[in-house]
Structure formats: C-alpha cells, structure tokens
Amino acid sequence: PNSITFVGVLSACNHRGLVNEGQEYFNKMIHQYKIKPVLQH
C-alpha cells in the first residue's frame, strides 16, 4: 500500500466513526509500512 491507500482506509473508518480501528491503521501505516503521514492522513 502507499500513502493514498491509507487515505482511503482512514476515510472509511471516519465515515463510520471507527475510532479504535482508525488509530490502529494510522499506527500500522507508520510502523509496519514505513509511510510518513501527510496532512491528509
């Protein structure tokens, strides 16, 4: 996955109010996939 992939995943969590899942994916993006968060994330 790339930076845009996680914009999609985090947006999905946002549209349902999945706070815990959104935070988990945000951390996974940084630590597992080594993607630096940008303003959109």
All heavy atoms as atom14 arrays in JSON, in Angstrom:
{
  "sequence": "PNSITFVGVLSACNHRGLVNEGQEYFNKMIHQYKIKPVLQH",
  "atom14_mask": [
    [1, 1, 1, 1, 1, 1, 1, 0, 0, 0, 0, 0, 0, 0],
    [1, 1, 1, 1, 1, 1, 1, 1, 0, 0, 0, 0, 0, 0],
    [1, 1, 1, 1, 1, 1, 0, 0, 0, 0, 0, 0, 0, 0],
    [1, 1, 1, 1, 1, 1, 1, 1, 0, 0, 0, 0, 0, 0],
    [1, 1, 1, 1, 1, 1, 1, 0, 0, 0, 0, 0, 0, 0],
    [1, 1, 1, 1, 1, 1, 1, 1, 1, 1, 1, 0, 0, 0],
    [1, 1, 1, 1, 1, 1, 1, 0, 0, 0, 0, 0, 0, 0],
    [1, 1, 1, 1, 0, 0, 0, 0, 0, 0, 0, 0, 0, 0],
    [1, 1, 1, 1, 1, 1, 1, 0, 0, 0, 0, 0, 0, 0],
    [1, 1, 1, 1, 1, 1, 1, 1, 0, 0, 0, 0, 0, 0],
    [1, 1, 1, 1, 1, 1, 0, 0, 0, 0, 0, 0, 0, 0],
    [1, 1, 1, 1, 1, 0, 0, 0, 0, 0, 0, 0, 0, 0],
    [1, 1, 1, 1, 1, 1, 0, 0, 0, 0, 0, 0, 0, 0],
    [1, 1, 1, 1, 1, 1, 1, 1, 0, 0, 0, 0, 0, 0],
    [1, 1, 1, 1, 1, 1, 1, 1, 1, 1, 0, 0, 0, 0],
    [1, 1, 1, 1, 1, 1, 1, 1, 1, 1, 1, 0, 0, 0],
    [1, 1, 1, 1, 0, 0, 0, 0, 0, 0, 0, 0, 0, 0],
    [1, 1, 1, 1, 1, 1, 1, 1, 0, 0, 0, 0, 0, 0],
    [1, 1, 1, 1, 1, 1, 1, 0, 0, 0, 0, 0, 0, 0],
    [1, 1, 1, 1, 1, 1, 1, 1, 0, 0, 0, 0, 0, 0],
    [1, 1, 1, 1, 1, 1, 1, 1, 1, 0, 0, 0, 0, 0],
    [1, 1, 1, 1, 0, 0, 0, 0, 0, 0, 0, 0, 0, 0],
    [1, 1, 1, 1, 1, 1, 1, 1, 1, 0, 0, 0, 0, 0],
    [1, 1, 1, 1, 1, 1, 1, 1, 1, 0, 0, 0, 0, 0],
    [1, 1, 1, 1, 1, 1, 1, 1, 1, 1, 1, 1, 0, 0],
    [1, 1, 1, 1, 1, 1, 1, 1, 1, 1, 1, 0, 0, 0],
    [1, 1, 1, 1, 1, 1, 1, 1, 0, 0, 0, 0, 0, 0],
    [1, 1, 1, 1, 1, 1, 1, 1, 1, 0, 0, 0, 0, 0],
    [1, 1, 1, 1, 1, 1, 1, 1, 0, 0, 0, 0, 0, 0],
    [1, 1, 1, 1, 1, 1, 1, 1, 0, 0, 0, 0, 0, 0],
    [1, 1, 1, 1, 1, 1, 1, 1, 1, 1, 0, 0, 0, 0],
    [1, 1, 1, 1, 1, 1, 1, 1, 1, 0, 0, 0, 0, 0],
    [1, 1, 1, 1, 1, 1, 1, 1, 1, 1, 1, 1, 0, 0],
    [1, 1, 1, 1, 1, 1, 1, 1, 1, 0, 0, 0, 0, 0],
    [1, 1, 1, 1, 1, 1, 1, 1, 0, 0, 0, 0, 0, 0],
    [1, 1, 1, 1, 1, 1, 1, 1, 1, 0, 0, 0, 0, 0],
    [1, 1, 1, 1, 1, 1, 1, 0, 0, 0, 0, 0, 0, 0],
    [1, 1, 1, 1, 1, 1, 1, 0, 0, 0, 0, 0, 0, 0],
    [1, 1, 1, 1, 1, 1, 1, 1, 0, 0, 0, 0, 0, 0],
    [1, 1, 1, 1, 1, 1, 1, 1, 1, 0, 0, 0, 0, 0],
    [1, 1, 1, 1, 1, 1, 1, 1, 1, 1, 0, 0, 0, 0]
  ],
  "atom14_positions": [
    [[0.83, -1.21, 0.0], [0.0, 0.0, 0.0], [0.86, 1.25, 0.0], [2.02, 1.22, 0.44], [-0.81, -0.13, 1.29], [0.03, -0.98, 2.18], [0.74, -1.94, 1.27], [0.0, 0.0, 0.0], [0.0, 0.0, 0.0], [0.0, 0.0, 0.0], [0.0, 0.0, 0.0], [0.0, 0.0, 0.0], [0.0, 0.0, 0.0], [0.0, 0.0, 0.0]],
    [[0.32, 2.34, -0.48], [1.03, 3.61, -0.46], [0.24, 4.64, 0.33], [-0.76, 4.32, 0.98], [1.35, 4.09, -1.88], [0.09, 4.32, -2.71], [-1.01, 4.48, -2.18], [0.25, 4.33, -4.03], [0.0, 0.0, 0.0], [0.0, 0.0, 0.0], [0.0, 0.0, 0.0], [0.0, 0.0, 0.0], [0.0, 0.0, 0.0], [0.0, 0.0, 0.0]],
    [[0.68, 5.86, 0.28], [0.06, 6.92, 1.06], [-1.42, 7.08, 0.74], [-2.26, 7.26, 1.64], [0.8, 8.24, 0.79], [0.25, 9.31, 1.51], [0.0, 0.0, 0.0], [0.0, 0.0, 0.0], [0.0, 0.0, 0.0], [0.0, 0.0, 0.0], [0.0, 0.0, 0.0], [0.0, 0.0, 0.0], [0.0, 0.0, 0.0], [0.0, 0.0, 0.0]],
    [[-1.78, 6.98, -0.53], [-3.17, 7.15, -0.95], [-4.04, 6.02, -0.43], [-5.2, 6.22, -0.08], [-3.25, 7.27, -2.49], [-2.51, 8.53, -2.95], [-4.69, 7.31, -2.96], [-2.36, 8.65, -4.44], [0.0, 0.0, 0.0], [0.0, 0.0, 0.0], [0.0, 0.0, 0.0], [0.0, 0.0, 0.0], [0.0, 0.0, 0.0], [0.0, 0.0, 0.0]],
    [[-3.48, 4.81, -0.4], [-4.24, 3.67, 0.13], [-4.75, 3.98, 1.52], [-5.92, 3.72, 1.85], [-3.35, 2.41, 0.19], [-2.61, 2.26, -1.01], [-4.21, 1.17, 0.43], [0.0, 0.0, 0.0], [0.0, 0.0, 0.0], [0.0, 0.0, 0.0], [0.0, 0.0, 0.0], [0.0, 0.0, 0.0], [0.0, 0.0, 0.0], [0.0, 0.0, 0.0]],
    [[-3.9, 4.55, 2.36], [-4.29, 4.8, 3.75], [-5.22, 6.0, 3.88], [-5.97, 6.08, 4.85], [-3.06, 4.93, 4.63], [-2.46, 3.61, 4.99], [-1.39, 3.08, 4.29], [-3.01, 2.86, 6.03], [-0.87, 1.84, 4.61], [-2.49, 1.62, 6.37], [-1.42, 1.1, 5.66], [0.0, 0.0, 0.0], [0.0, 0.0, 0.0], [0.0, 0.0, 0.0]],
    [[-5.2, 6.9, 2.9], [-6.24, 7.94, 2.89], [-7.6, 7.29, 2.74], [-8.57, 7.64, 3.43], [-6.0, 8.95, 1.74], [-7.2, 9.88, 1.6], [-4.73, 9.77, 2.0], [0.0, 0.0, 0.0], [0.0, 0.0, 0.0], [0.0, 0.0, 0.0], [0.0, 0.0, 0.0], [0.0, 0.0, 0.0], [0.0, 0.0, 0.0], [0.0, 0.0, 0.0]],
    [[-7.68, 6.28, 1.85], [-8.93, 5.56, 1.66], [-9.35, 4.79, 2.9], [-10.52, 4.83, 3.31], [0.0, 0.0, 0.0], [0.0, 0.0, 0.0], [0.0, 0.0, 0.0], [0.0, 0.0, 0.0], [0.0, 0.0, 0.0], [0.0, 0.0, 0.0], [0.0, 0.0, 0.0], [0.0, 0.0, 0.0], [0.0, 0.0, 0.0], [0.0, 0.0, 0.0]],
    [[-8.41, 4.09, 3.51], [-8.73, 3.28, 4.69], [-9.15, 4.18, 5.86], [-10.15, 3.9, 6.55], [-7.51, 2.42, 5.09], [-7.72, 1.75, 6.43], [-7.24, 1.37, 4.01], [0.0, 0.0, 0.0], [0.0, 0.0, 0.0], [0.0, 0.0, 0.0], [0.0, 0.0, 0.0], [0.0, 0.0, 0.0], [0.0, 0.0, 0.0], [0.0, 0.0, 0.0]],
    [[-8.41, 5.25, 6.11], [-8.76, 6.16, 7.21], [-10.07, 6.88, 6.94], [-10.85, 7.13, 7.87], [-7.63, 7.17, 7.42], [-6.31, 6.59, 7.95], [-5.21, 7.66, 7.94], [-6.48, 6.03, 9.36], [0.0, 0.0, 0.0], [0.0, 0.0, 0.0], [0.0, 0.0, 0.0], [0.0, 0.0, 0.0], [0.0, 0.0, 0.0], [0.0, 0.0, 0.0]],
    [[-10.34, 7.21, 5.67], [-11.62, 7.84, 5.33], [-12.77, 6.89, 5.62], [-13.83, 7.31, 6.1], [-11.65, 8.24, 3.85], [-10.7, 9.24, 3.58], [0.0, 0.0, 0.0], [0.0, 0.0, 0.0], [0.0, 0.0, 0.0], [0.0, 0.0, 0.0], [0.0, 0.0, 0.0], [0.0, 0.0, 0.0], [0.0, 0.0, 0.0], [0.0, 0.0, 0.0]],
    [[-12.57, 5.61, 5.31], [-13.61, 4.62, 5.58], [-13.91, 4.55, 7.08], [-15.08, 4.56, 7.5], [-13.18, 3.25, 5.06], [0.0, 0.0, 0.0], [0.0, 0.0, 0.0], [0.0, 0.0, 0.0], [0.0, 0.0, 0.0], [0.0, 0.0, 0.0], [0.0, 0.0, 0.0], [0.0, 0.0, 0.0], [0.0, 0.0, 0.0], [0.0, 0.0, 0.0]],
    [[-12.87, 4.49, 7.89], [-13.06, 4.47, 9.35], [-13.77, 5.74, 9.81], [-14.65, 5.7, 10.69], [-11.71, 4.34, 10.05], [-10.86, 2.76, 9.76], [0.0, 0.0, 0.0], [0.0, 0.0, 0.0], [0.0, 0.0, 0.0], [0.0, 0.0, 0.0], [0.0, 0.0, 0.0], [0.0, 0.0, 0.0], [0.0, 0.0, 0.0], [0.0, 0.0, 0.0]],
    [[-13.42, 6.85, 9.19], [-14.01, 8.13, 9.56], [-15.51, 8.15, 9.29], [-16.31, 8.64, 10.1], [-13.31, 9.25, 8.78], [-13.72, 10.63, 9.23], [-14.36, 10.81, 10.26], [-13.37, 11.62, 8.45], [0.0, 0.0, 0.0], [0.0, 0.0, 0.0], [0.0, 0.0, 0.0], [0.0, 0.0, 0.0], [0.0, 0.0, 0.0], [0.0, 0.0, 0.0]],
    [[-15.92, 7.61, 8.13], [-17.33, 7.65, 7.75], [-18.21, 6.76, 8.62], [-19.43, 6.88, 8.58], [-17.49, 7.27, 6.28], [-16.97, 8.3, 5.33], [-17.17, 9.65, 5.52], [-16.25, 8.19, 4.18], [-16.6, 10.33, 4.53], [-16.03, 9.47, 3.71], [0.0, 0.0, 0.0], [0.0, 0.0, 0.0], [0.0, 0.0, 0.0], [0.0, 0.0, 0.0]],
    [[-17.61, 5.88, 9.4], [-18.4, 5.03, 10.29], [-18.12, 5.33, 11.76], [-18.74, 4.76, 12.65], [-18.13, 3.55, 9.98], [-18.97, 2.55, 10.73], [-20.46, 2.67, 10.44], [-20.74, 2.48, 9.02], [-20.82, 1.29, 8.42], [-20.65, 0.18, 9.12], [-21.07, 1.22, 7.13], [0.0, 0.0, 0.0], [0.0, 0.0, 0.0], [0.0, 0.0, 0.0]],
    [[-17.17, 6.2, 12.03], [-16.84, 6.53, 13.41], [-16.05, 5.46, 14.11], [-16.15, 5.29, 15.34], [0.0, 0.0, 0.0], [0.0, 0.0, 0.0], [0.0, 0.0, 0.0], [0.0, 0.0, 0.0], [0.0, 0.0, 0.0], [0.0, 0.0, 0.0], [0.0, 0.0, 0.0], [0.0, 0.0, 0.0], [0.0, 0.0, 0.0], [0.0, 0.0, 0.0]],
    [[-15.24, 4.7, 13.36], [-14.43, 3.61, 13.93], [-13.12, 4.18, 14.47], [-12.08, 4.11, 13.82], [-14.17, 2.54, 12.87], [-15.41, 1.93, 12.2], [-15.0, 0.92, 11.13], [-16.31, 1.28, 13.24], [0.0, 0.0, 0.0], [0.0, 0.0, 0.0], [0.0, 0.0, 0.0], [0.0, 0.0, 0.0], [0.0, 0.0, 0.0], [0.0, 0.0, 0.0]],
    [[-13.19, 4.74, 15.67], [-12.04, 5.45, 16.23], [-10.87, 4.51, 16.48], [-9.73, 4.78, 16.05], [-12.44, 6.18, 17.53], [-11.21, 6.81, 18.18], [-13.49, 7.24, 17.25], [0.0, 0.0, 0.0], [0.0, 0.0, 0.0], [0.0, 0.0, 0.0], [0.0, 0.0, 0.0], [0.0, 0.0, 0.0], [0.0, 0.0, 0.0], [0.0, 0.0, 0.0]],
    [[-11.1, 3.41, 17.18], [-10.0, 2.49, 17.5], [-9.36, 1.93, 16.24], [-8.13, 1.86, 16.13], [-10.52, 1.35, 18.39], [-10.93, 1.82, 19.77], [-10.44, 2.85, 20.25], [-11.82, 1.1, 20.42], [0.0, 0.0, 0.0], [0.0, 0.0, 0.0], [0.0, 0.0, 0.0], [0.0, 0.0, 0.0], [0.0, 0.0, 0.0], [0.0, 0.0, 0.0]],
    [[-10.22, 1.51, 15.28], [-9.69, 0.96, 14.04], [-8.88, 2.0, 13.27], [-7.82, 1.7, 12.71], [-10.82, 0.43, 13.16], [-11.52, -0.81, 13.7], [-12.63, -0.48, 14.7], [-12.67, 0.67, 15.19], [-13.43, -1.37, 15.0], [0.0, 0.0, 0.0], [0.0, 0.0, 0.0], [0.0, 0.0, 0.0], [0.0, 0.0, 0.0], [0.0, 0.0, 0.0]],
    [[-9.38, 3.24, 13.23], [-8.66, 4.3, 12.53], [-7.29, 4.55, 13.13], [-6.3, 4.7, 12.41], [0.0, 0.0, 0.0], [0.0, 0.0, 0.0], [0.0, 0.0, 0.0], [0.0, 0.0, 0.0], [0.0, 0.0, 0.0], [0.0, 0.0, 0.0], [0.0, 0.0, 0.0], [0.0, 0.0, 0.0], [0.0, 0.0, 0.0], [0.0, 0.0, 0.0]],
    [[-7.22, 4.56, 14.46], [-5.93, 4.77, 15.12], [-4.99, 3.6, 14.87], [-3.78, 3.78, 14.69], [-6.15, 4.98, 16.62], [-6.83, 6.3, 16.94], [-7.18, 6.44, 18.41], [-7.54, 5.48, 19.09], [-7.08, 7.66, 18.92], [0.0, 0.0, 0.0], [0.0, 0.0, 0.0], [0.0, 0.0, 0.0], [0.0, 0.0, 0.0], [0.0, 0.0, 0.0]],
    [[-5.55, 2.38, 14.84], [-4.72, 1.2, 14.56], [-4.13, 1.27, 13.15], [-2.94, 0.98, 12.93], [-5.55, -0.08, 14.72], [-5.85, -0.44, 16.17], [-6.79, -1.63, 16.29], [-7.05, -2.28, 15.25], [-7.26, -1.9, 17.41], [0.0, 0.0, 0.0], [0.0, 0.0, 0.0], [0.0, 0.0, 0.0], [0.0, 0.0, 0.0], [0.0, 0.0, 0.0]],
    [[-4.97, 1.62, 12.16], [-4.47, 1.71, 10.78], [-3.45, 2.84, 10.65], [-2.47, 2.72, 9.89], [-5.63, 1.92, 9.8], [-6.36, 0.64, 9.46], [-7.68, 0.43, 9.87], [-5.74, -0.36, 8.72], [-8.35, -0.74, 9.55], [-6.4, -1.53, 8.4], [-7.71, -1.72, 8.81], [-8.36, -2.88, 8.49], [0.0, 0.0, 0.0], [0.0, 0.0, 0.0]],
    [[-3.66, 3.94, 11.34], [-2.71, 5.05, 11.31], [-1.35, 4.59, 11.84], [-0.3, 4.88, 11.23], [-3.26, 6.2, 12.15], [-2.45, 7.47, 12.07], [-2.59, 8.34, 11.0], [-1.54, 7.8, 13.08], [-1.85, 9.52, 10.93], [-0.8, 8.96, 13.02], [-0.96, 9.82, 11.94], [0.0, 0.0, 0.0], [0.0, 0.0, 0.0], [0.0, 0.0, 0.0]],
    [[-1.35, 3.87, 12.95], [-0.09, 3.36, 13.51], [0.54, 2.31, 12.61], [1.77, 2.25, 12.44], [-0.35, 2.77, 14.9], [-0.71, 3.84, 15.92], [-0.24, 4.97, 15.82], [-1.54, 3.51, 16.88], [0.0, 0.0, 0.0], [0.0, 0.0, 0.0], [0.0, 0.0, 0.0], [0.0, 0.0, 0.0], [0.0, 0.0, 0.0], [0.0, 0.0, 0.0]],
    [[-0.31, 1.46, 12.0], [0.21, 0.43, 11.1], [0.87, 1.07, 9.89], [1.91, 0.59, 9.42], [-0.96, -0.47, 10.65], [-0.54, -1.66, 9.8], [-1.75, -2.5, 9.39], [-2.3, -3.26, 10.57], [-3.35, -4.23, 10.15], [0.0, 0.0, 0.0], [0.0, 0.0, 0.0], [0.0, 0.0, 0.0], [0.0, 0.0, 0.0], [0.0, 0.0, 0.0]],
    [[0.27, 2.13, 9.37], [0.84, 2.85, 8.24], [2.27, 3.32, 8.56], [3.18, 3.17, 7.73], [-0.05, 4.04, 7.9], [0.5, 4.96, 6.83], [-0.54, 6.41, 6.53], [-0.22, 7.36, 8.01], [0.0, 0.0, 0.0], [0.0, 0.0, 0.0], [0.0, 0.0, 0.0], [0.0, 0.0, 0.0], [0.0, 0.0, 0.0], [0.0, 0.0, 0.0]],
    [[2.45, 3.86, 9.76], [3.76, 4.41, 10.14], [4.76, 3.31, 10.45], [5.89, 3.3, 9.92], [3.6, 5.33, 11.38], [2.7, 6.52, 11.05], [4.97, 5.82, 11.85], [2.31, 7.35, 12.26], [0.0, 0.0, 0.0], [0.0, 0.0, 0.0], [0.0, 0.0, 0.0], [0.0, 0.0, 0.0], [0.0, 0.0, 0.0], [0.0, 0.0, 0.0]],
    [[4.37, 2.36, 11.29], [5.34, 1.4, 11.84], [5.52, 0.16, 10.97], [6.64, -0.33, 10.82], [4.92, 0.99, 13.25], [4.83, 2.14, 14.21], [5.92, 2.91, 14.55], [3.77, 2.68, 14.87], [5.56, 3.86, 15.39], [4.24, 3.75, 15.6], [0.0, 0.0, 0.0], [0.0, 0.0, 0.0], [0.0, 0.0, 0.0], [0.0, 0.0, 0.0]],
    [[4.43, -0.34, 10.37], [4.56, -1.56, 9.57], [4.96, -1.25, 8.13], [5.82, -1.94, 7.56], [3.24, -2.34, 9.59], [3.3, -3.65, 8.79], [2.03, -4.46, 8.94], [1.27, -4.31, 9.9], [1.78, -5.35, 7.99], [0.0, 0.0, 0.0], [0.0, 0.0, 0.0], [0.0, 0.0, 0.0], [0.0, 0.0, 0.0], [0.0, 0.0, 0.0]],
    [[4.34, -0.19, 7.56], [4.59, 0.08, 6.15], [5.54, 1.26, 5.92], [5.83, 1.61, 4.77], [3.26, 0.34, 5.44], [2.4, -0.91, 5.38], [1.31, -1.06, 6.24], [2.69, -1.94, 4.5], [0.52, -2.21, 6.21], [1.91, -3.09, 4.45], [0.83, -3.22, 5.32], [0.05, -4.36, 5.27], [0.0, 0.0, 0.0], [0.0, 0.0, 0.0]],
    [[6.01, 1.87, 7.01], [7.03, 2.92, 6.95], [6.6, 4.09, 6.05], [7.4, 4.67, 5.31], [8.37, 2.37, 6.46], [8.84, 1.11, 7.18], [9.0, 1.33, 8.67], [9.5, 0.08, 9.38], [9.51, 0.23, 10.85], [0.0, 0.0, 0.0], [0.0, 0.0, 0.0], [0.0, 0.0, 0.0], [0.0, 0.0, 0.0], [0.0, 0.0, 0.0]],
    [[5.33, 4.44, 6.11], [4.81, 5.56, 5.33], [4.69, 6.77, 6.24], [4.03, 6.71, 7.28], [3.43, 5.21, 4.71], [3.58, 4.07, 3.71], [2.82, 6.44, 4.03], [2.27, 3.52, 3.2], [0.0, 0.0, 0.0], [0.0, 0.0, 0.0], [0.0, 0.0, 0.0], [0.0, 0.0, 0.0], [0.0, 0.0, 0.0], [0.0, 0.0, 0.0]],
    [[5.31, 7.85, 5.85], [5.27, 9.07, 6.65], [3.93, 9.77, 6.47], [3.53, 10.07, 5.34], [6.41, 10.0, 6.24], [6.52, 11.25, 7.1], [7.7, 12.1, 6.65], [7.83, 13.36, 7.5], [8.97, 14.19, 7.08], [0.0, 0.0, 0.0], [0.0, 0.0, 0.0], [0.0, 0.0, 0.0], [0.0, 0.0, 0.0], [0.0, 0.0, 0.0]],
    [[3.2, 10.04, 7.55], [1.89, 10.68, 7.41], [2.01, 12.08, 6.84], [2.94, 12.83, 7.15], [1.35, 10.74, 8.85], [2.2, 9.81, 9.65], [3.52, 9.75, 8.97], [0.0, 0.0, 0.0], [0.0, 0.0, 0.0], [0.0, 0.0, 0.0], [0.0, 0.0, 0.0], [0.0, 0.0, 0.0], [0.0, 0.0, 0.0], [0.0, 0.0, 0.0]],
    [[1.06, 12.42, 5.97], [0.98, 13.77, 5.42], [-0.28, 14.43, 5.99], [-1.03, 13.84, 6.76], [0.95, 13.75, 3.88], [2.24, 13.18, 3.34], [-0.24, 12.95, 3.36], [0.0, 0.0, 0.0], [0.0, 0.0, 0.0], [0.0, 0.0, 0.0], [0.0, 0.0, 0.0], [0.0, 0.0, 0.0], [0.0, 0.0, 0.0], [0.0, 0.0, 0.0]],
    [[-0.5, 15.68, 5.6], [-1.6, 16.45, 6.17], [-2.95, 15.75, 5.98], [-3.82, 15.79, 6.86], [-1.63, 17.84, 5.52], [-2.57, 18.86, 6.15], [-2.22, 19.12, 7.61], [-2.54, 20.16, 5.36], [0.0, 0.0, 0.0], [0.0, 0.0, 0.0], [0.0, 0.0, 0.0], [0.0, 0.0, 0.0], [0.0, 0.0, 0.0], [0.0, 0.0, 0.0]],
    [[-3.12, 15.08, 4.84], [-4.4, 14.42, 4.56], [-4.67, 13.3, 5.57], [-5.81, 13.09, 5.99], [-4.4, 13.86, 3.14], [-5.74, 13.98, 2.46], [-5.67, 13.61, 1.0], [-4.6, 13.46, 0.41], [-6.83, 13.46, 0.38], [0.0, 0.0, 0.0], [0.0, 0.0, 0.0], [0.0, 0.0, 0.0], [0.0, 0.0, 0.0], [0.0, 0.0, 0.0]],
    [[-3.63, 12.56, 5.96], [-3.81, 11.5, 6.96], [-4.2, 12.08, 8.31], [-5.12, 11.58, 8.98], [-2.53, 10.67, 7.1], [-2.12, 9.98, 5.83], [-0.91, 10.21, 5.23], [-2.76, 9.09, 5.05], [-0.82, 9.48, 4.14], [-1.93, 8.78, 4.0], [0.0, 0.0, 0.0], [0.0, 0.0, 0.0], [0.0, 0.0, 0.0], [0.0, 0.0, 0.0]]
  ]
}
